[in-house]
Amino acid sequence: TTMRNSAIICLGAVLGTCLIAGLAAYALSHLQVPGSGIVVGYLF
């Protein structure tokens, strides 16, 4: 049971984090985002 639950959690965490982080990283690296330096500092 626990390994099945962990597999579901890992899959959901990986997909969601890659989507959120990928969009944010693309915006901070290839788009002219106002205050991008402040956003990077906030992430740190």
ModelCIF file with pLDDT and N, C-alpha, C, O atoms, coordinates in Angstrom:
data_MODEL
#
_entry.id   MODEL 
#
_entity.id                         1 
_entity.type                       polymer 
_entity.pdbx_number_of_molecules   1 
#
_entity_poly.entity_id                      1 
_entity_poly.type                           'polypeptide(L)' 
_entity_poly.nstd_linkage                   no 
_entity_poly.nstd_monomer                   no 
_entity_poly.pdbx_seq_one_letter_code       TTMRNSAIICLGAVLGTCLIAGLAAYALSHLQVPGSGIVVGYLF 
_entity_poly.pdbx_seq_one_letter_code_can   TTMRNSAIICLGAVLGTCLIAGLAAYALSHLQVPGSGIVVGYLF 
_entity_poly.pdbx_strand_id                 A 
#
loop_
_entity_poly_seq.entity_id 
_entity_poly_seq.num 
_entity_poly_seq.mon_id 
_entity_poly_seq.hetero 
1 1  THR n 
1 2  THR n 
1 3  MET n 
1 4  ARG n 
1 5  ASN n 
1 6  SER n 
1 7  ALA n 
1 8  ILE n 
1 9  ILE n 
1 10 CYS n 
1 11 LEU n 
1 12 GLY n 
1 13 ALA n 
1 14 VAL n 
1 15 LEU n 
1 16 GLY n 
1 17 THR n 
1 18 CYS n 
1 19 LEU n 
1 20 ILE n 
1 21 ALA n 
1 22 GLY n 
1 23 LEU n 
1 24 ALA n 
1 25 ALA n 
1 26 TYR n 
1 27 ALA n 
1 28 LEU n 
1 29 SER n 
1 30 HIS n 
1 31 LEU n 
1 32 GLN n 
1 33 VAL n 
1 34 PRO n 
1 35 GLY n 
1 36 SER n 
1 37 GLY n 
1 38 ILE n 
1 39 VAL n 
1 40 VAL n 
1 41 GLY n 
1 42 TYR n 
1 43 LEU n 
1 44 PHE n 
#
_struct_asym.id          A 
_struct_asym.entity_id   1 
#
loop_
_ma_qa_metric.id 
_ma_qa_metric.mode 
_ma_qa_metric.name 
_ma_qa_metric.software_group_id 
_ma_qa_metric.type 
1 global pLDDT . pLDDT 
2 local  pLDDT . pLDDT 
#
_ma_qa_metric_global.metric_id      1 
_ma_qa_metric_global.metric_value   90.68 
_ma_qa_metric_global.model_id       1 
_ma_qa_metric_global.ordinal_id     1 
#
loop_
_ma_qa_metric_local.label_asym_id 
_ma_qa_metric_local.label_comp_id 
_ma_qa_metric_local.label_seq_id 
_ma_qa_metric_local.metric_id 
_ma_qa_metric_local.metric_value 
_ma_qa_metric_local.model_id 
_ma_qa_metric_local.ordinal_id 
A THR 1  2 93.00 1 1  
A THR 2  2 94.00 1 2  
A MET 3  2 93.00 1 3  
A ARG 4  2 94.00 1 4  
A ASN 5  2 95.00 1 5  
A SER 6  2 94.00 1 6  
A ALA 7  2 94.00 1 7  
A ILE 8  2 96.00 1 8  
A ILE 9  2 96.00 1 9  
A CYS 10 2 95.00 1 10 
A LEU 11 2 95.00 1 11 
A GLY 12 2 96.00 1 12 
A ALA 13 2 96.00 1 13 
A VAL 14 2 95.00 1 14 
A LEU 15 2 96.00 1 15 
A GLY 16 2 96.00 1 16 
A THR 17 2 95.00 1 17 
A CYS 18 2 93.00 1 18 
A LEU 19 2 93.00 1 19 
A ILE 20 2 94.00 1 20 
A ALA 21 2 93.00 1 21 
A GLY 22 2 90.00 1 22 
A LEU 23 2 89.00 1 23 
A ALA 24 2 91.00 1 24 
A ALA 25 2 91.00 1 25 
A TYR 26 2 88.00 1 26 
A ALA 27 2 88.00 1 27 
A LEU 28 2 89.00 1 28 
A SER 29 2 86.00 1 29 
A HIS 30 2 82.00 1 30 
A LEU 31 2 82.00 1 31 
A GLN 32 2 82.00 1 32 
A VAL 33 2 82.00 1 33 
A PRO 34 2 86.00 1 34 
A GLY 35 2 86.00 1 35 
A SER 36 2 84.00 1 36 
A GLY 37 2 86.00 1 37 
A ILE 38 2 90.00 1 38 
A VAL 39 2 89.00 1 39 
A VAL 40 2 90.00 1 40 
A GLY 41 2 89.00 1 41 
A TYR 42 2 87.00 1 42 
A LEU 43 2 89.00 1 43 
A PHE 44 2 88.00 1 44 
#
loop_
_atom_site.group_PDB 
_atom_site.id 
_atom_site.type_symbol 
_atom_site.label_atom_id 
_atom_site.label_alt_id 
_atom_site.label_comp_id 
_atom_site.label_asym_id 
_atom_site.label_entity_id 
_atom_site.label_seq_id 
_atom_site.pdbx_PDB_ins_code 
_atom_site.Cartn_x 
_atom_site.Cartn_y 
_atom_site.Cartn_z 
_atom_site.occupancy 
_atom_site.B_iso_or_equiv 
_atom_site.pdbx_formal_charge 
_atom_site.auth_seq_id 
_atom_site.auth_comp_id 
_atom_site.auth_asym_id 
_atom_site.auth_atom_id 
_atom_site.pdbx_PDB_model_num 
ATOM 1   N N  . THR A 1 1  ? 0.827  -1.216 0.000   1.00 93.00 ? 1  THR A N  1 
ATOM 2   C CA . THR A 1 1  ? 0.000  0.000  0.000   1.00 93.00 ? 1  THR A CA 1 
ATOM 3   C C  . THR A 1 1  ? 0.851  1.253  0.000   1.00 93.00 ? 1  THR A C  1 
ATOM 4   O O  . THR A 1 1  ? 0.603  2.172  -0.779  1.00 93.00 ? 1  THR A O  1 
ATOM 5   N N  . THR A 1 2  ? 1.862  1.300  0.873   1.00 94.00 ? 2  THR A N  1 
ATOM 6   C CA . THR A 1 2  ? 2.646  2.522  0.996   1.00 94.00 ? 2  THR A CA 1 
ATOM 7   C C  . THR A 1 2  ? 3.482  2.809  -0.248  1.00 94.00 ? 2  THR A C  1 
ATOM 8   O O  . THR A 1 2  ? 3.653  3.970  -0.623  1.00 94.00 ? 2  THR A O  1 
ATOM 9   N N  . MET A 1 3  ? 4.002  1.770  -0.889  1.00 93.00 ? 3  MET A N  1 
ATOM 10  C CA . MET A 1 3  ? 4.774  2.005  -2.107  1.00 93.00 ? 3  MET A CA 1 
ATOM 11  C C  . MET A 1 3  ? 3.873  2.462  -3.247  1.00 93.00 ? 3  MET A C  1 
ATOM 12  O O  . MET A 1 3  ? 4.294  3.263  -4.081  1.00 93.00 ? 3  MET A O  1 
ATOM 13  N N  . ARG A 1 4  ? 2.645  1.966  -3.293  1.00 94.00 ? 4  ARG A N  1 
ATOM 14  C CA . ARG A 1 4  ? 1.704  2.454  -4.309  1.00 94.00 ? 4  ARG A CA 1 
ATOM 15  C C  . ARG A 1 4  ? 1.384  3.931  -4.075  1.00 94.00 ? 4  ARG A C  1 
ATOM 16  O O  . ARG A 1 4  ? 1.358  4.721  -5.018  1.00 94.00 ? 4  ARG A O  1 
ATOM 17  N N  . ASN A 1 5  ? 1.141  4.298  -2.819  1.00 95.00 ? 5  ASN A N  1 
ATOM 18  C CA . ASN A 1 5  ? 0.848  5.697  -2.512  1.00 95.00 ? 5  ASN A CA 1 
ATOM 19  C C  . ASN A 1 5  ? 2.043  6.592  -2.838  1.00 95.00 ? 5  ASN A C  1 
ATOM 20  O O  . ASN A 1 5  ? 1.867  7.685  -3.378  1.00 95.00 ? 5  ASN A O  1 
ATOM 21  N N  . SER A 1 6  ? 3.252  6.140  -2.516  1.00 94.00 ? 6  SER A N  1 
ATOM 22  C CA . SER A 1 6  ? 4.440  6.939  -2.817  1.00 94.00 ? 6  SER A CA 1 
ATOM 23  C C  . SER A 1 6  ? 4.641  7.088  -4.321  1.00 94.00 ? 6  SER A C  1 
ATOM 24  O O  . SER A 1 6  ? 5.082  8.138  -4.786  1.00 94.00 ? 6  SER A O  1 
ATOM 25  N N  . ALA A 1 7  ? 4.320  6.045  -5.082  1.00 94.00 ? 7  ALA A N  1 
ATOM 26  C CA . ALA A 1 7  ? 4.436  6.152  -6.539  1.00 94.00 ? 7  ALA A CA 1 
ATOM 27  C C  . ALA A 1 7  ? 3.479  7.213  -7.084  1.00 94.00 ? 7  ALA A C  1 
ATOM 28  O O  . ALA A 1 7  ? 3.847  7.988  -7.967  1.00 94.00 ? 7  ALA A O  1 
ATOM 29  N N  . ILE A 1 8  ? 2.247  7.246  -6.555  1.00 96.00 ? 8  ILE A N  1 
ATOM 30  C CA . ILE A 1 8  ? 1.283  8.270  -6.986  1.00 96.00 ? 8  ILE A CA 1 
ATOM 31  C C  . ILE A 1 8  ? 1.772  9.657  -6.598  1.00 96.00 ? 8  ILE A C  1 
ATOM 32  O O  . ILE A 1 8  ? 1.690  10.592 -7.395  1.00 96.00 ? 8  ILE A O  1 
ATOM 33  N N  . ILE A 1 9  ? 2.279  9.793  -5.380  1.00 96.00 ? 9  ILE A N  1 
ATOM 34  C CA . ILE A 1 9  ? 2.759  11.092 -4.907  1.00 96.00 ? 9  ILE A CA 1 
ATOM 35  C C  . ILE A 1 9  ? 3.948  11.556 -5.733  1.00 96.00 ? 9  ILE A C  1 
ATOM 36  O O  . ILE A 1 9  ? 4.010  12.720 -6.129  1.00 96.00 ? 9  ILE A O  1 
ATOM 37  N N  . CYS A 1 10 ? 4.885  10.667 -5.996  1.00 95.00 ? 10 CYS A N  1 
ATOM 38  C CA . CYS A 1 10 ? 6.070  11.039 -6.776  1.00 95.00 ? 10 CYS A CA 1 
ATOM 39  C C  . CYS A 1 10 ? 5.695  11.460 -8.189  1.00 95.00 ? 10 CYS A C  1 
ATOM 40  O O  . CYS A 1 10 ? 6.219  12.447 -8.705  1.00 95.00 ? 10 CYS A O  1 
ATOM 41  N N  . LEU A 1 11 ? 4.794  10.719 -8.813  1.00 95.00 ? 11 LEU A N  1 
ATOM 42  C CA . LEU A 1 11 ? 4.391  11.058 -10.176 1.00 95.00 ? 11 LEU A CA 1 
ATOM 43  C C  . LEU A 1 11 ? 3.707  12.422 -10.216 1.00 95.00 ? 11 LEU A C  1 
ATOM 44  O O  . LEU A 1 11 ? 4.012  13.246 -11.078 1.00 95.00 ? 11 LEU A O  1 
ATOM 45  N N  . GLY A 1 12 ? 2.783  12.659 -9.284  1.00 96.00 ? 12 GLY A N  1 
ATOM 46  C CA . GLY A 1 12 ? 2.108  13.955 -9.246  1.00 96.00 ? 12 GLY A CA 1 
ATOM 47  C C  . GLY A 1 12 ? 3.057  15.091 -8.926  1.00 96.00 ? 12 GLY A C  1 
ATOM 48  O O  . GLY A 1 12 ? 2.962  16.162 -9.527  1.00 96.00 ? 12 GLY A O  1 
ATOM 49  N N  . ALA A 1 13 ? 3.981  14.877 -7.980  1.00 96.00 ? 13 ALA A N  1 
ATOM 50  C CA . ALA A 1 13 ? 4.935  15.929 -7.619  1.00 96.00 ? 13 ALA A CA 1 
ATOM 51  C C  . ALA A 1 13 ? 5.870  16.248 -8.769  1.00 96.00 ? 13 ALA A C  1 
ATOM 52  O O  . ALA A 1 13 ? 6.174  17.416 -9.013  1.00 96.00 ? 13 ALA A O  1 
ATOM 53  N N  . VAL A 1 14 ? 6.334  15.222 -9.483  1.00 95.00 ? 14 VAL A N  1 
ATOM 54  C CA . VAL A 1 14 ? 7.260  15.441 -10.599 1.00 95.00 ? 14 VAL A CA 1 
ATOM 55  C C  . VAL A 1 14 ? 6.575  16.193 -11.732 1.00 95.00 ? 14 VAL A C  1 
ATOM 56  O O  . VAL A 1 14 ? 7.127  17.163 -12.252 1.00 95.00 ? 14 VAL A O  1 
ATOM 57  N N  . LEU A 1 15 ? 5.382  15.757 -12.119 1.00 96.00 ? 15 LEU A N  1 
ATOM 58  C CA . LEU A 1 15 ? 4.687  16.417 -13.231 1.00 96.00 ? 15 LEU A CA 1 
ATOM 59  C C  . LEU A 1 15 ? 4.351  17.865 -12.892 1.00 96.00 ? 15 LEU A C  1 
ATOM 60  O O  . LEU A 1 15 ? 4.591  18.763 -13.699 1.00 96.00 ? 15 LEU A O  1 
ATOM 61  N N  . GLY A 1 16 ? 3.802  18.094 -11.712 1.00 96.00 ? 16 GLY A N  1 
ATOM 62  C CA . GLY A 1 16 ? 3.430  19.454 -11.337 1.00 96.00 ? 16 GLY A CA 1 
ATOM 63  C C  . GLY A 1 16 ? 4.624  20.369 -11.172 1.00 96.00 ? 16 GLY A C  1 
ATOM 64  O O  . GLY A 1 16 ? 4.587  21.516 -11.616 1.00 96.00 ? 16 GLY A O  1 
ATOM 65  N N  . THR A 1 17 ? 5.683  19.885 -10.541 1.00 95.00 ? 17 THR A N  1 
ATOM 66  C CA . THR A 1 17 ? 6.862  20.725 -10.330 1.00 95.00 ? 17 THR A CA 1 
ATOM 67  C C  . THR A 1 17 ? 7.545  21.056 -11.646 1.00 95.00 ? 17 THR A C  1 
ATOM 68  O O  . THR A 1 17 ? 7.976  22.191 -11.850 1.00 95.00 ? 17 THR A O  1 
ATOM 69  N N  . CYS A 1 18 ? 7.647  20.078 -12.543 1.00 93.00 ? 18 CYS A N  1 
ATOM 70  C CA . CYS A 1 18 ? 8.261  20.346 -13.841 1.00 93.00 ? 18 CYS A CA 1 
ATOM 71  C C  . CYS A 1 18 ? 7.451  21.372 -14.630 1.00 93.00 ? 18 CYS A C  1 
ATOM 72  O O  . CYS A 1 18 ? 8.027  22.228 -15.301 1.00 93.00 ? 18 CYS A O  1 
ATOM 73  N N  . LEU A 1 19 ? 6.125  21.298 -14.558 1.00 93.00 ? 19 LEU A N  1 
ATOM 74  C CA . LEU A 1 19 ? 5.295  22.262 -15.273 1.00 93.00 ? 19 LEU A CA 1 
ATOM 75  C C  . LEU A 1 19 ? 5.438  23.661 -14.677 1.00 93.00 ? 19 LEU A C  1 
ATOM 76  O O  . LEU A 1 19 ? 5.654  24.627 -15.408 1.00 93.00 ? 19 LEU A O  1 
ATOM 77  N N  . ILE A 1 20 ? 5.320  23.770 -13.361 1.00 94.00 ? 20 ILE A N  1 
ATOM 78  C CA . ILE A 1 20 ? 5.408  25.086 -12.712 1.00 94.00 ? 20 ILE A CA 1 
ATOM 79  C C  . ILE A 1 20 ? 6.801  25.674 -12.881 1.00 94.00 ? 20 ILE A C  1 
ATOM 80  O O  . ILE A 1 20 ? 6.949  26.826 -13.289 1.00 94.00 ? 20 ILE A O  1 
ATOM 81  N N  . ALA A 1 21 ? 7.827  24.880 -12.565 1.00 93.00 ? 21 ALA A N  1 
ATOM 82  C CA . ALA A 1 21 ? 9.195  25.387 -12.646 1.00 93.00 ? 21 ALA A CA 1 
ATOM 83  C C  . ALA A 1 21 ? 9.610  25.653 -14.088 1.00 93.00 ? 21 ALA A C  1 
ATOM 84  O O  . ALA A 1 21 ? 10.362 26.592 -14.350 1.00 93.00 ? 21 ALA A O  1 
ATOM 85  N N  . GLY A 1 22 ? 9.127  24.834 -15.032 1.00 90.00 ? 22 GLY A N  1 
ATOM 86  C CA . GLY A 1 22 ? 9.488  25.046 -16.423 1.00 90.00 ? 22 GLY A CA 1 
ATOM 87  C C  . GLY A 1 22 ? 8.938  26.351 -16.968 1.00 90.00 ? 22 GLY A C  1 
ATOM 88  O O  . GLY A 1 22 ? 9.655  27.092 -17.641 1.00 90.00 ? 22 GLY A O  1 
ATOM 89  N N  . LEU A 1 23 ? 7.671  26.644 -16.685 1.00 89.00 ? 23 LEU A N  1 
ATOM 90  C CA . LEU A 1 23 ? 7.088  27.904 -17.147 1.00 89.00 ? 23 LEU A CA 1 
ATOM 91  C C  . LEU A 1 23 ? 7.750  29.104 -16.485 1.00 89.00 ? 23 LEU A C  1 
ATOM 92  O O  . LEU A 1 23 ? 8.034  30.107 -17.139 1.00 89.00 ? 23 LEU A O  1 
ATOM 93  N N  . ALA A 1 24 ? 7.995  28.993 -15.178 1.00 91.00 ? 24 ALA A N  1 
ATOM 94  C CA . ALA A 1 24 ? 8.638  30.107 -14.480 1.00 91.00 ? 24 ALA A CA 1 
ATOM 95  C C  . ALA A 1 24 ? 10.069 30.318 -14.956 1.00 91.00 ? 24 ALA A C  1 
ATOM 96  O O  . ALA A 1 24 ? 10.494 31.456 -15.154 1.00 91.00 ? 24 ALA A O  1 
ATOM 97  N N  . ALA A 1 25 ? 10.809 29.238 -15.141 1.00 91.00 ? 25 ALA A N  1 
ATOM 98  C CA . ALA A 1 25 ? 12.194 29.368 -15.599 1.00 91.00 ? 25 ALA A CA 1 
ATOM 99  C C  . ALA A 1 25 ? 12.266 29.931 -17.017 1.00 91.00 ? 25 ALA A C  1 
ATOM 100 O O  . ALA A 1 25 ? 13.161 30.716 -17.328 1.00 91.00 ? 25 ALA A O  1 
ATOM 101 N N  . TYR A 1 26 ? 11.326 29.533 -17.879 1.00 88.00 ? 26 TYR A N  1 
ATOM 102 C CA . TYR A 1 26 ? 11.310 30.074 -19.237 1.00 88.00 ? 26 TYR A CA 1 
ATOM 103 C C  . TYR A 1 26 ? 11.026 31.566 -19.218 1.00 88.00 ? 26 TYR A C  1 
ATOM 104 O O  . TYR A 1 26 ? 11.648 32.325 -19.961 1.00 88.00 ? 26 TYR A O  1 
ATOM 105 N N  . ALA A 1 27 ? 10.088 31.996 -18.371 1.00 88.00 ? 27 ALA A N  1 
ATOM 106 C CA . ALA A 1 27 ? 9.773  33.418 -18.291 1.00 88.00 ? 27 ALA A CA 1 
ATOM 107 C C  . ALA A 1 27 ? 10.955 34.223 -17.753 1.00 88.00 ? 27 ALA A C  1 
ATOM 108 O O  . ALA A 1 27 ? 11.228 35.324 -18.230 1.00 88.00 ? 27 ALA A O  1 
ATOM 109 N N  . LEU A 1 28 ? 11.654 33.670 -16.757 1.00 89.00 ? 28 LEU A N  1 
ATOM 110 C CA . LEU A 1 28 ? 12.772 34.408 -16.155 1.00 89.00 ? 28 LEU A CA 1 
ATOM 111 C C  . LEU A 1 28 ? 14.027 34.399 -17.012 1.00 89.00 ? 28 LEU A C  1 
ATOM 112 O O  . LEU A 1 28 ? 14.916 35.226 -16.812 1.00 89.00 ? 28 LEU A O  1 
ATOM 113 N N  . SER A 1 29 ? 14.113 33.482 -17.958 1.00 86.00 ? 29 SER A N  1 
ATOM 114 C CA . SER A 1 29 ? 15.331 33.372 -18.764 1.00 86.00 ? 29 SER A CA 1 
ATOM 115 C C  . SER A 1 29 ? 15.181 33.900 -20.181 1.00 86.00 ? 29 SER A C  1 
ATOM 116 O O  . SER A 1 29 ? 16.168 34.353 -20.761 1.00 86.00 ? 29 SER A O  1 
ATOM 117 N N  . HIS A 1 30 ? 13.967 33.861 -20.770 1.00 82.00 ? 30 HIS A N  1 
ATOM 118 C CA . HIS A 1 30 ? 13.797 34.230 -22.171 1.00 82.00 ? 30 HIS A CA 1 
ATOM 119 C C  . HIS A 1 30 ? 12.760 35.323 -22.402 1.00 82.00 ? 30 HIS A C  1 
ATOM 120 O O  . HIS A 1 30 ? 12.538 35.716 -23.547 1.00 82.00 ? 30 HIS A O  1 
ATOM 121 N N  . LEU A 1 31 ? 12.128 35.816 -21.368 1.00 82.00 ? 31 LEU A N  1 
ATOM 122 C CA . LEU A 1 31 ? 11.155 36.886 -21.515 1.00 82.00 ? 31 LEU A CA 1 
ATOM 123 C C  . LEU A 1 31 ? 11.595 38.094 -20.695 1.00 82.00 ? 31 LEU A C  1 
ATOM 124 O O  . LEU A 1 31 ? 12.320 37.963 -19.709 1.00 82.00 ? 31 LEU A O  1 
ATOM 125 N N  . GLN A 1 32 ? 11.148 39.253 -21.113 1.00 82.00 ? 32 GLN A N  1 
ATOM 126 C CA . GLN A 1 32 ? 11.448 40.488 -20.399 1.00 82.00 ? 32 GLN A CA 1 
ATOM 127 C C  . GLN A 1 32 ? 10.416 40.673 -19.285 1.00 82.00 ? 32 GLN A C  1 
ATOM 128 O O  . GLN A 1 32 ? 9.417  41.373 -19.449 1.00 82.00 ? 32 GLN A O  1 
ATOM 129 N N  . VAL A 1 33 ? 10.686 40.026 -18.146 1.00 82.00 ? 33 VAL A N  1 
ATOM 130 C CA . VAL A 1 33 ? 9.771  40.089 -17.005 1.00 82.00 ? 33 VAL A CA 1 
ATOM 131 C C  . VAL A 1 33 ? 10.169 41.257 -16.113 1.00 82.00 ? 33 VAL A C  1 
ATOM 132 O O  . VAL A 1 33 ? 11.314 41.306 -15.664 1.00 82.00 ? 33 VAL A O  1 
ATOM 133 N N  . PRO A 1 34 ? 9.277  42.190 -15.841 1.00 86.00 ? 34 PRO A N  1 
ATOM 134 C CA . PRO A 1 34 ? 9.625  43.290 -14.933 1.00 86.00 ? 34 PRO A CA 1 
ATOM 135 C C  . PRO A 1 34 ? 9.908  42.763 -13.523 1.00 86.00 ? 34 PRO A C  1 
ATOM 136 O O  . PRO A 1 34 ? 9.146  41.961 -12.983 1.00 86.00 ? 34 PRO A O  1 
ATOM 137 N N  . GLY A 1 35 ? 10.997 43.220 -12.946 1.00 86.00 ? 35 GLY A N  1 
ATOM 138 C CA . GLY A 1 35 ? 11.356 42.793 -11.598 1.00 86.00 ? 35 GLY A CA 1 
ATOM 139 C C  . GLY A 1 35 ? 11.816 41.354 -11.519 1.00 86.00 ? 35 GLY A C  1 
ATOM 140 O O  . GLY A 1 35 ? 11.632 40.703 -10.490 1.00 86.00 ? 35 GLY A O  1 
ATOM 141 N N  . SER A 1 36 ? 12.415 40.840 -12.590 1.00 84.00 ? 36 SER A N  1 
ATOM 142 C CA . SER A 1 36 ? 12.853 39.437 -12.576 1.00 84.00 ? 36 SER A CA 1 
ATOM 143 C C  . SER A 1 36 ? 13.935 39.199 -11.524 1.00 84.00 ? 36 SER A C  1 
ATOM 144 O O  . SER A 1 36 ? 14.002 38.123 -10.929 1.00 84.00 ? 36 SER A O  1 
ATOM 145 N N  . GLY A 1 37 ? 14.784 40.209 -11.296 1.00 86.00 ? 37 GLY A N  1 
ATOM 146 C CA . GLY A 1 37 ? 15.805 40.058 -10.260 1.00 86.00 ? 37 GLY A CA 1 
ATOM 147 C C  . GLY A 1 37 ? 15.205 39.895 -8.876  1.00 86.00 ? 37 GLY A C  1 
ATOM 148 O O  . GLY A 1 37 ? 15.710 39.123 -8.060  1.00 86.00 ? 37 GLY A O  1 
ATOM 149 N N  . ILE A 1 38 ? 14.120 40.628 -8.608  1.00 90.00 ? 38 ILE A N  1 
ATOM 150 C CA . ILE A 1 38 ? 13.440 40.498 -7.312  1.00 90.00 ? 38 ILE A CA 1 
ATOM 151 C C  . ILE A 1 38 ? 12.816 39.105 -7.188  1.00 90.00 ? 38 ILE A C  1 
ATOM 152 O O  . ILE A 1 38 ? 12.839 38.501 -6.116  1.00 90.00 ? 38 ILE A O  1 
ATOM 153 N N  . VAL A 1 39 ? 12.261 38.604 -8.290  1.00 89.00 ? 39 VAL A N  1 
ATOM 154 C CA . VAL A 1 39 ? 11.658 37.272 -8.267  1.00 89.00 ? 39 VAL A CA 1 
ATOM 155 C C  . VAL A 1 39 ? 12.711 36.206 -7.993  1.00 89.00 ? 39 VAL A C  1 
ATOM 156 O O  . VAL A 1 39 ? 12.470 35.280 -7.219  1.00 89.00 ? 39 VAL A O  1 
ATOM 157 N N  . VAL A 1 40 ? 13.878 36.331 -8.622  1.00 90.00 ? 40 VAL A N  1 
ATOM 158 C CA . VAL A 1 40 ? 14.948 35.367 -8.395  1.00 90.00 ? 40 VAL A CA 1 
ATOM 159 C C  . VAL A 1 40 ? 15.412 35.426 -6.942  1.00 90.00 ? 40 VAL A C  1 
ATOM 160 O O  . VAL A 1 40 ? 15.641 34.386 -6.325  1.00 90.00 ? 40 VAL A O  1 
ATOM 161 N N  . GLY A 1 41 ? 15.551 36.620 -6.395  1.00 89.00 ? 41 GLY A N  1 
ATOM 162 C CA . GLY A 1 41 ? 15.909 36.745 -4.983  1.00 89.00 ? 41 GLY A CA 1 
ATOM 163 C C  . GLY A 1 41 ? 14.871 36.145 -4.069  1.00 89.00 ? 41 GLY A C  1 
ATOM 164 O O  . GLY A 1 41 ? 15.210 35.529 -3.059  1.00 89.00 ? 41 GLY A O  1 
ATOM 165 N N  . TYR A 1 42 ? 13.590 36.321 -4.416  1.00 87.00 ? 42 TYR A N  1 
ATOM 166 C CA . TYR A 1 42 ? 12.516 35.720 -3.626  1.00 87.00 ? 42 TYR A CA 1 
ATOM 167 C C  . TYR A 1 42 ? 12.578 34.196 -3.671  1.00 87.00 ? 42 TYR A C  1 
ATOM 168 O O  . TYR A 1 42 ? 12.319 33.530 -2.669  1.00 87.00 ? 42 TYR A O  1 
ATOM 169 N N  . LEU A 1 43 ? 12.919 33.650 -4.828  1.00 89.00 ? 43 LEU A N  1 
ATOM 170 C CA . LEU A 1 43 ? 13.046 32.200 -4.941  1.00 89.00 ? 43 LEU A CA 1 
ATOM 171 C C  . LEU A 1 43 ? 14.213 31.685 -4.099  1.00 89.00 ? 43 LEU A C  1 
ATOM 172 O O  . LEU A 1 43 ? 14.105 30.638 -3.459  1.00 89.00 ? 43 LEU A O  1 
ATOM 173 N N  . PHE A 1 44 ? 15.330 32.421 -4.098  1.00 88.00 ? 44 PHE A N  1 
ATOM 174 C CA . PHE A 1 44 ? 16.445 32.036 -3.229  1.00 88.00 ? 44 PHE A CA 1 
ATOM 175 C C  . PHE A 1 44 ? 16.024 32.065 -1.767  1.00 88.00 ? 44 PHE A C  1 
ATOM 176 O O  . PHE A 1 44 ? 16.832 31.770 -0.886  1.00 88.00 ? 44 PHE A O  1 
#
